[in-house]
């Protein structure tokens, strides 16, 4: 269960003895302090991961699995290391949920609850909002005052998941639905991979691919013992491997913005591949938002938010320093 920003603000206000006053503003005090706390938490978790004191899977609110159709070159593409899911809204009306949220029609959007969606092209709903609910596969809800509006198919909704930590690559999967509509899948032999939002991974068919170093990646071509070696052709003996994100772009091969790609071996071109990763937290923008961290960390979030409010004008302190005591407290909260 994520942490309510409203709860953090209320607890901080009480501890500051500022209830019923306007000494502290959300936009000037709490919002930047809470966002700084998220950055600090990200650094804290990275340290805990690095020291193997907790596993990445402990952050269920930030763990996602996305399906891609691999490129002609057996690669997965991440523009600026992010996964962009862009959808057009359905030519239908916004619906008042009666609880301060509005249901937005968007066919087969593939969005997640608590993700931040950017809406553009509408008359009354443009902006970035946290998704509060997924009532159906063809709609999502956001916190906003209801205004009657019928959307156009030129209106867009975009969610971008930036990769924090790569967890696993599944080179062969069973999907939901098991046999997706071929007409809705990307074309074959594209120079870059394509994110596929119309399916989800049900289960892997083979073990997750092994990450190789650059040296191992070259050696696998002549050494059948190394995972990913194309020399192994017997189906039940094949072990997949991948090379972590690299920018292969050049004027001859790829034009446009910088593109990070993961290469998989043996070849999986045009196949559906699943990627499990931790996504980076997005800055909160409203008191109604939620922080995608375990509720057991609420106490630490409150204390660190107060710390950032207290020292926001003091540039002599290392704002993101993590003490051994804070590491110990985090482990106790997560145990």
Protein backbone atom coordinates (compact mmCIF):
# COMPACT_ATOMS: atom_id res chain seq x y z
CA UNK A 1 0.00 0.00 0.00
CA UNK A 2 1.52 3.37 -0.99
CA UNK A 3 1.91 6.34 1.36
CA UNK A 4 -0.68 9.12 1.28
CA UNK A 5 0.83 12.57 0.72
CA UNK A 6 -2.10 14.05 2.66
CA UNK A 7 -1.20 11.84 5.64
CA UNK A 8 2.44 12.95 5.48
CA UNK A 9 1.41 16.62 5.33
CA UNK A 10 -1.02 16.20 8.24
CA UNK A 11 1.55 14.48 10.43
CA UNK A 12 4.24 17.03 9.59
CA UNK A 13 1.84 19.90 10.31
CA UNK A 14 1.02 18.43 13.72
CA UNK A 15 4.68 17.92 14.60
CA UNK A 16 5.45 21.49 13.51
CA UNK A 17 2.63 22.69 15.79
CA UNK A 18 1.19 24.47 12.75
CA UNK A 19 -2.33 23.06 12.69
CA UNK A 20 -4.89 25.69 11.73
CA UNK A 21 -2.21 28.13 10.55
CA UNK A 22 -0.81 29.07 7.16
CA UNK A 23 2.83 29.08 8.23
CA UNK A 24 3.63 26.24 5.84
CA UNK A 25 2.33 26.07 2.27
CA UNK A 26 2.00 22.89 0.24
CA UNK A 27 3.55 24.31 -2.95
CA UNK A 28 6.40 26.15 -1.21
CA UNK A 29 7.19 23.86 1.72
CA UNK A 30 5.68 20.38 1.67
CA UNK A 31 5.78 19.59 -2.06
CA UNK A 32 9.53 20.27 -2.56
CA UNK A 33 10.39 18.65 0.78
CA UNK A 34 8.44 15.47 -0.05
CA UNK A 35 9.97 15.29 -3.53
CA UNK A 36 13.44 15.70 -2.01
CA UNK A 37 12.53 12.90 0.37
CA UNK A 38 11.67 10.68 -2.61
CA UNK A 39 15.11 11.37 -4.11
CA UNK A 40 16.71 10.58 -0.77
CA UNK A 41 14.65 7.37 -0.48
CA UNK A 42 15.77 6.31 -3.96
CA UNK A 43 19.40 6.77 -2.90
CA UNK A 44 18.73 4.89 0.34
CA UNK A 45 17.17 1.93 -1.47
CA UNK A 46 19.99 1.87 -4.03
CA UNK A 47 22.46 1.59 -1.18
CA UNK A 48 20.42 -1.18 0.47
CA UNK A 49 20.28 -3.04 -2.86
CA UNK A 50 24.00 -2.61 -3.39
CA UNK A 51 24.78 -3.93 0.09
CA UNK A 52 22.29 -6.79 -0.48
CA UNK A 53 20.38 -5.94 2.69
CA UNK A 54 17.03 -6.05 0.88
CA UNK A 55 15.91 -7.18 -2.57
CA UNK A 56 14.46 -5.02 -5.34
CA UNK A 57 11.27 -7.08 -5.20
CA UNK A 58 10.47 -5.45 -1.83
CA UNK A 59 9.29 -2.37 -3.76
CA UNK A 60 6.13 -3.90 -5.20
CA UNK A 61 4.61 -0.46 -5.83
CA UNK A 62 7.43 0.33 -8.25
CA UNK A 63 7.95 -3.11 -9.81
CA UNK A 64 6.48 -3.54 -13.28
CA UNK A 65 6.71 -6.00 -16.17
CA UNK A 66 6.38 -4.62 -19.69
CA UNK A 67 6.09 -6.54 -22.98
CA UNK A 68 7.98 -5.52 -26.12
CA UNK A 69 8.25 -6.81 -29.65
CA UNK A 70 11.97 -7.21 -30.28
CA UNK A 71 13.54 -5.41 -33.22
CA UNK A 72 15.10 -6.81 -36.38
CA UNK A 73 18.40 -6.77 -34.47
CA UNK A 74 17.10 -8.74 -31.44
CA UNK A 75 17.15 -5.58 -29.32
CA UNK A 76 14.83 -3.72 -26.95
CA UNK A 77 14.76 0.07 -27.21
CA UNK A 78 14.43 2.58 -24.38
CA UNK A 79 14.22 6.20 -25.44
CA UNK A 80 16.26 8.13 -22.86
CA UNK A 81 16.07 4.96 -20.73
CA UNK A 82 12.28 5.26 -20.42
CA UNK A 83 9.27 3.24 -21.54
CA UNK A 84 6.68 5.51 -23.14
CA UNK A 85 3.07 4.31 -23.43
CA UNK A 86 1.12 6.79 -25.55
CA UNK A 87 -2.60 6.33 -26.16
CA UNK A 88 -5.42 8.31 -27.74
CA UNK A 89 -8.58 8.91 -25.77
CA UNK A 90 -11.83 7.31 -26.80
CA UNK A 91 -14.36 9.59 -28.50
CA UNK A 92 -16.59 9.41 -25.47
CA UNK A 93 -17.56 11.53 -22.48
CA UNK A 94 -15.77 12.04 -19.18
CA UNK A 95 -17.69 10.40 -16.30
CA UNK A 96 -18.14 11.91 -12.84
CA UNK A 97 -17.38 9.14 -10.31
CA UNK A 98 -19.05 11.14 -7.57
CA UNK A 99 -16.04 10.98 -5.24
CA UNK A 100 -13.93 13.85 -6.57
CA UNK A 101 -12.47 11.75 -9.36
CA UNK A 102 -13.27 11.57 -13.07
CA UNK A 103 -13.21 8.49 -15.32
CA UNK A 104 -11.37 9.06 -18.60
CA UNK A 105 -12.20 6.70 -21.53
CA UNK A 106 -9.10 5.23 -23.19
CA UNK A 107 -9.26 1.90 -25.02
CA UNK A 108 -6.77 -0.81 -23.90
CA UNK A 109 -4.55 1.77 -22.24
CA UNK A 110 -2.39 -0.63 -20.22
CA UNK A 111 -1.77 1.99 -17.50
CA UNK A 112 -1.17 1.16 -13.82
CA UNK A 113 -2.81 2.57 -10.72
CA UNK A 114 -0.64 5.28 -9.09
CA UNK A 115 1.18 5.98 -12.38
CA UNK A 116 1.33 9.60 -13.55
CA UNK A 117 -0.46 10.28 -16.82
CA UNK A 118 -0.09 13.39 -18.97
CA UNK A 119 -3.27 14.34 -20.85
CA UNK A 120 -3.09 16.71 -23.81
CA UNK A 121 -5.47 18.15 -26.39
CA UNK A 122 -8.59 18.34 -24.21
CA UNK A 123 -10.54 21.43 -23.21
CA UNK A 124 -10.72 20.81 -19.45
CA UNK A 125 -8.40 17.94 -18.55
CA UNK A 126 -4.94 18.82 -19.84
CA UNK A 127 -2.14 18.30 -17.32
CA UNK A 128 -0.31 15.60 -15.39
CA UNK A 129 -2.29 13.54 -12.88
CA UNK A 130 -1.80 10.47 -10.74
CA UNK A 131 -4.11 7.62 -11.75
CA UNK A 132 -6.25 6.80 -8.72
CA UNK A 133 -8.10 3.80 -10.13
CA UNK A 134 -8.34 1.47 -13.13
CA UNK A 135 -12.09 0.69 -13.26
CA UNK A 136 -11.76 -1.15 -16.59
CA UNK A 137 -9.14 -1.95 -19.21
CA UNK A 138 -10.64 0.87 -21.28
CA UNK A 139 -10.70 3.67 -18.71
CA UNK A 140 -8.73 5.23 -15.87
CA UNK A 141 -9.65 7.69 -13.13
CA UNK A 142 -7.90 10.87 -12.00
CA UNK A 143 -8.46 13.32 -9.16
CA UNK A 144 -9.94 16.49 -10.66
CA UNK A 145 -13.14 18.52 -10.50
CA UNK A 146 -15.64 17.17 -13.03
CA UNK A 147 -16.46 19.23 -16.12
CA UNK A 148 -18.66 17.76 -18.84
CA UNK A 149 -16.62 17.06 -21.97
CA UNK A 150 -16.67 14.59 -24.84
CA UNK A 151 -13.16 13.76 -25.94
CA UNK A 152 -11.72 13.50 -29.43
CA UNK A 153 -9.51 10.72 -30.79
CA UNK A 154 -6.83 13.39 -31.26
CA UNK A 155 -6.63 13.83 -27.47
CA UNK A 156 -3.76 11.87 -25.93
CA UNK A 157 -2.79 10.24 -22.64
CA UNK A 158 0.87 9.38 -22.05
CA UNK A 159 2.56 7.46 -19.24
CA UNK A 160 6.36 7.24 -19.11
CA UNK A 161 8.10 4.75 -16.84
CA UNK A 162 11.77 5.59 -16.37
CA UNK A 163 13.95 2.62 -15.46
CA UNK A 164 15.58 2.73 -12.03
CA UNK A 165 16.85 -0.85 -11.81
CA UNK A 166 16.54 -3.70 -14.32
CA UNK A 167 15.32 -6.89 -12.62
CA UNK A 168 14.92 -9.53 -15.34
CA UNK A 169 14.59 -10.15 -19.08
CA UNK A 170 12.24 -12.96 -20.16
CA UNK A 171 13.03 -13.83 -23.80
CA UNK A 172 10.13 -16.26 -24.31
CA UNK A 173 6.75 -15.79 -22.65
CA UNK A 174 3.11 -16.85 -22.52
CA UNK A 175 0.93 -13.76 -22.84
CA UNK A 176 -2.55 -12.64 -21.83
CA UNK A 177 -4.37 -12.98 -24.17
CA UNK A 178 -2.49 -16.09 -25.25
CA UNK A 179 -2.95 -15.28 -28.96
CA UNK A 180 -3.09 -11.49 -29.39
CA UNK A 181 -4.78 -9.99 -32.42
CA UNK A 182 -2.03 -9.95 -35.10
CA UNK A 183 -3.47 -6.80 -36.68
CA UNK A 184 -2.87 -4.91 -33.41
CA UNK A 185 0.76 -6.00 -33.04
CA UNK A 186 3.67 -3.97 -34.48
CA UNK A 187 5.03 -4.96 -37.88
CA UNK A 188 7.92 -7.39 -38.22
CA UNK A 189 11.54 -6.43 -38.88
CA UNK A 190 11.37 -2.90 -37.48
CA UNK A 191 14.78 -1.29 -36.75
CA UNK A 192 13.76 -0.59 -33.14
CA UNK A 193 11.58 -2.54 -30.75
CA UNK A 194 8.02 -1.51 -29.91
CA UNK A 195 6.27 -1.42 -26.55
CA UNK A 196 3.16 -3.64 -26.71
CA UNK A 197 0.38 -2.52 -24.37
CA UNK A 198 -2.34 -4.90 -25.61
CA UNK A 199 -0.82 -7.92 -23.86
CA UNK A 200 0.65 -8.76 -20.47
CA UNK A 201 3.02 -11.53 -19.46
CA UNK A 202 1.31 -14.53 -17.91
CA UNK A 203 4.42 -16.65 -17.36
CA UNK A 204 7.92 -17.18 -18.76
CA UNK A 205 8.56 -20.19 -21.01
CA UNK A 206 12.30 -20.34 -20.32
CA UNK A 207 14.45 -18.99 -17.45
CA UNK A 208 15.30 -15.30 -17.36
CA UNK A 209 18.23 -14.24 -19.52
CA UNK A 210 21.67 -13.88 -17.91
CA UNK A 211 23.35 -10.47 -17.99
CA UNK A 212 26.78 -10.58 -19.63
CA UNK A 213 29.69 -8.16 -19.58
CA UNK A 214 31.04 -6.71 -22.82
CA UNK A 215 33.95 -9.17 -22.71
CA UNK A 216 31.64 -12.16 -22.23
CA UNK A 217 29.36 -10.89 -25.00
CA UNK A 218 32.18 -11.20 -27.53
CA UNK A 219 33.40 -14.55 -26.19
CA UNK A 220 29.96 -16.20 -26.39
CA UNK A 221 30.34 -16.30 -30.19
CA UNK A 222 33.08 -18.94 -29.86
CA UNK A 223 32.42 -20.41 -26.41
CA UNK A 224 29.30 -22.61 -26.10
CA UNK A 225 29.59 -22.69 -22.30
CA UNK A 226 28.69 -19.00 -21.97
CA UNK A 227 24.93 -18.25 -21.77
CA UNK A 228 23.61 -16.73 -24.97
CA UNK A 229 25.99 -18.62 -27.20
CA UNK A 230 24.53 -19.08 -30.71
CA UNK A 231 26.55 -22.29 -30.99
CA UNK A 232 23.92 -24.12 -28.93
CA UNK A 233 20.99 -24.99 -31.20
CA UNK A 234 19.18 -27.77 -29.30
CA UNK A 235 16.03 -26.10 -27.94
CA UNK A 236 16.12 -27.53 -24.41
CA UNK A 237 19.80 -26.57 -23.98
CA UNK A 238 19.57 -22.95 -25.12
CA UNK A 239 20.35 -20.38 -22.39
CA UNK A 240 19.53 -16.78 -23.20
CA UNK A 241 21.67 -13.81 -22.27
CA UNK A 242 21.49 -10.06 -22.65
CA UNK A 243 23.84 -7.09 -22.84
CA UNK A 244 22.75 -4.17 -20.67
CA UNK A 245 21.64 -0.80 -22.08
CA UNK A 246 24.00 0.68 -24.68
CA UNK A 247 23.54 3.51 -27.16
CA UNK A 248 24.16 1.95 -30.58
CA UNK A 249 22.90 4.96 -32.53
CA UNK A 250 24.81 6.48 -35.45
CA UNK A 251 23.99 8.34 -38.64
CA UNK A 252 24.17 5.10 -40.62
CA UNK A 253 22.14 2.89 -38.31
CA UNK A 254 19.68 5.03 -36.35
CA UNK A 255 18.55 8.63 -36.75
CA UNK A 256 16.69 10.71 -34.22
CA UNK A 257 17.00 11.02 -30.46
CA UNK A 258 19.46 9.08 -28.36
CA UNK A 259 18.27 5.53 -27.87
CA UNK A 260 19.39 2.99 -25.28
CA UNK A 261 19.05 -0.65 -26.32
CA UNK A 262 19.34 -4.06 -24.69
CA UNK A 263 20.49 -6.87 -27.00
CA UNK A 264 19.41 -10.48 -26.47
CA UNK A 265 21.12 -13.65 -27.68
CA UNK A 266 20.34 -16.11 -29.22
CA UNK A 267 18.28 -14.09 -31.68
CA UNK A 268 14.71 -13.20 -30.66
CA UNK A 269 13.90 -10.76 -33.48
CA UNK A 270 10.16 -10.08 -33.89
CA UNK A 271 9.39 -12.08 -30.72
CA UNK A 272 7.45 -10.82 -27.70
CA UNK A 273 9.84 -10.28 -24.79
CA UNK A 274 9.05 -9.21 -21.21
CA UNK A 275 11.16 -6.84 -19.13
CA UNK A 276 10.81 -6.59 -15.33
CA UNK A 277 12.19 -3.43 -13.76
CA UNK A 278 11.87 -0.93 -10.96
CA UNK A 279 10.54 2.38 -12.24
CA UNK A 280 11.77 5.67 -10.85
CA UNK A 281 9.29 7.53 -8.63
CA UNK A 282 7.65 10.56 -10.22
CA UNK A 283 7.52 13.89 -8.38
CA UNK A 284 4.24 14.44 -6.58
CA UNK A 285 2.29 17.55 -7.56
CA UNK A 286 -0.82 17.47 -5.36
CA UNK A 287 -1.71 16.72 -1.76
CA UNK A 288 -4.05 13.99 -3.06
CA UNK A 289 -1.14 12.03 -4.59
CA UNK A 290 0.51 8.92 -3.17
CA UNK A 291 4.16 7.99 -2.74
CA UNK A 292 4.90 4.54 -4.25
CA UNK A 293 6.79 3.24 -1.23
CA UNK A 294 5.69 0.70 1.43
CA UNK A 295 3.47 2.18 4.14
CA UNK A 296 5.93 0.82 6.70
CA UNK A 297 8.28 3.61 5.55
CA UNK A 298 5.78 6.37 6.43
CA UNK A 299 7.52 7.26 9.70
CA UNK A 300 10.85 7.73 7.94
CA UNK A 301 9.19 9.77 5.17
CA UNK A 302 7.62 12.11 7.74
CA UNK A 303 10.89 12.59 9.64
CA UNK A 304 12.90 13.19 6.47
CA UNK A 305 10.29 15.62 5.11
CA UNK A 306 10.55 17.64 8.32
CA UNK A 307 14.32 17.56 7.95
CA UNK A 308 14.14 18.96 4.42
CA UNK A 309 11.71 21.70 5.50
CA UNK A 310 14.07 22.69 8.30
CA UNK A 311 17.22 22.88 6.18
CA UNK A 312 15.84 24.06 2.84
CA UNK A 313 17.65 27.39 3.13
CA UNK A 314 20.90 25.89 4.41
CA UNK A 315 23.22 24.90 1.53
CA UNK A 316 26.02 23.84 3.88
CA UNK A 317 24.54 20.41 4.50
CA UNK A 318 24.67 17.39 2.19
CA UNK A 319 20.93 16.98 1.70
CA UNK A 320 21.11 13.45 0.39
CA UNK A 321 23.69 12.00 2.77
CA UNK A 322 22.60 8.64 4.21
CA UNK A 323 23.82 7.73 7.68
CA UNK A 324 24.39 4.22 9.00
CA UNK A 325 21.68 4.89 11.57
CA UNK A 326 19.18 5.68 8.79
CA UNK A 327 20.15 2.46 7.00
CA UNK A 328 19.51 0.49 10.19
CA UNK A 329 16.14 2.19 10.71
CA UNK A 330 15.09 1.47 7.12
CA UNK A 331 15.92 -2.21 7.50
CA UNK A 332 13.90 -2.38 10.72
CA UNK A 333 10.90 -0.73 9.04
CA UNK A 334 11.09 -3.16 6.12
CA UNK A 335 11.59 -6.29 8.22
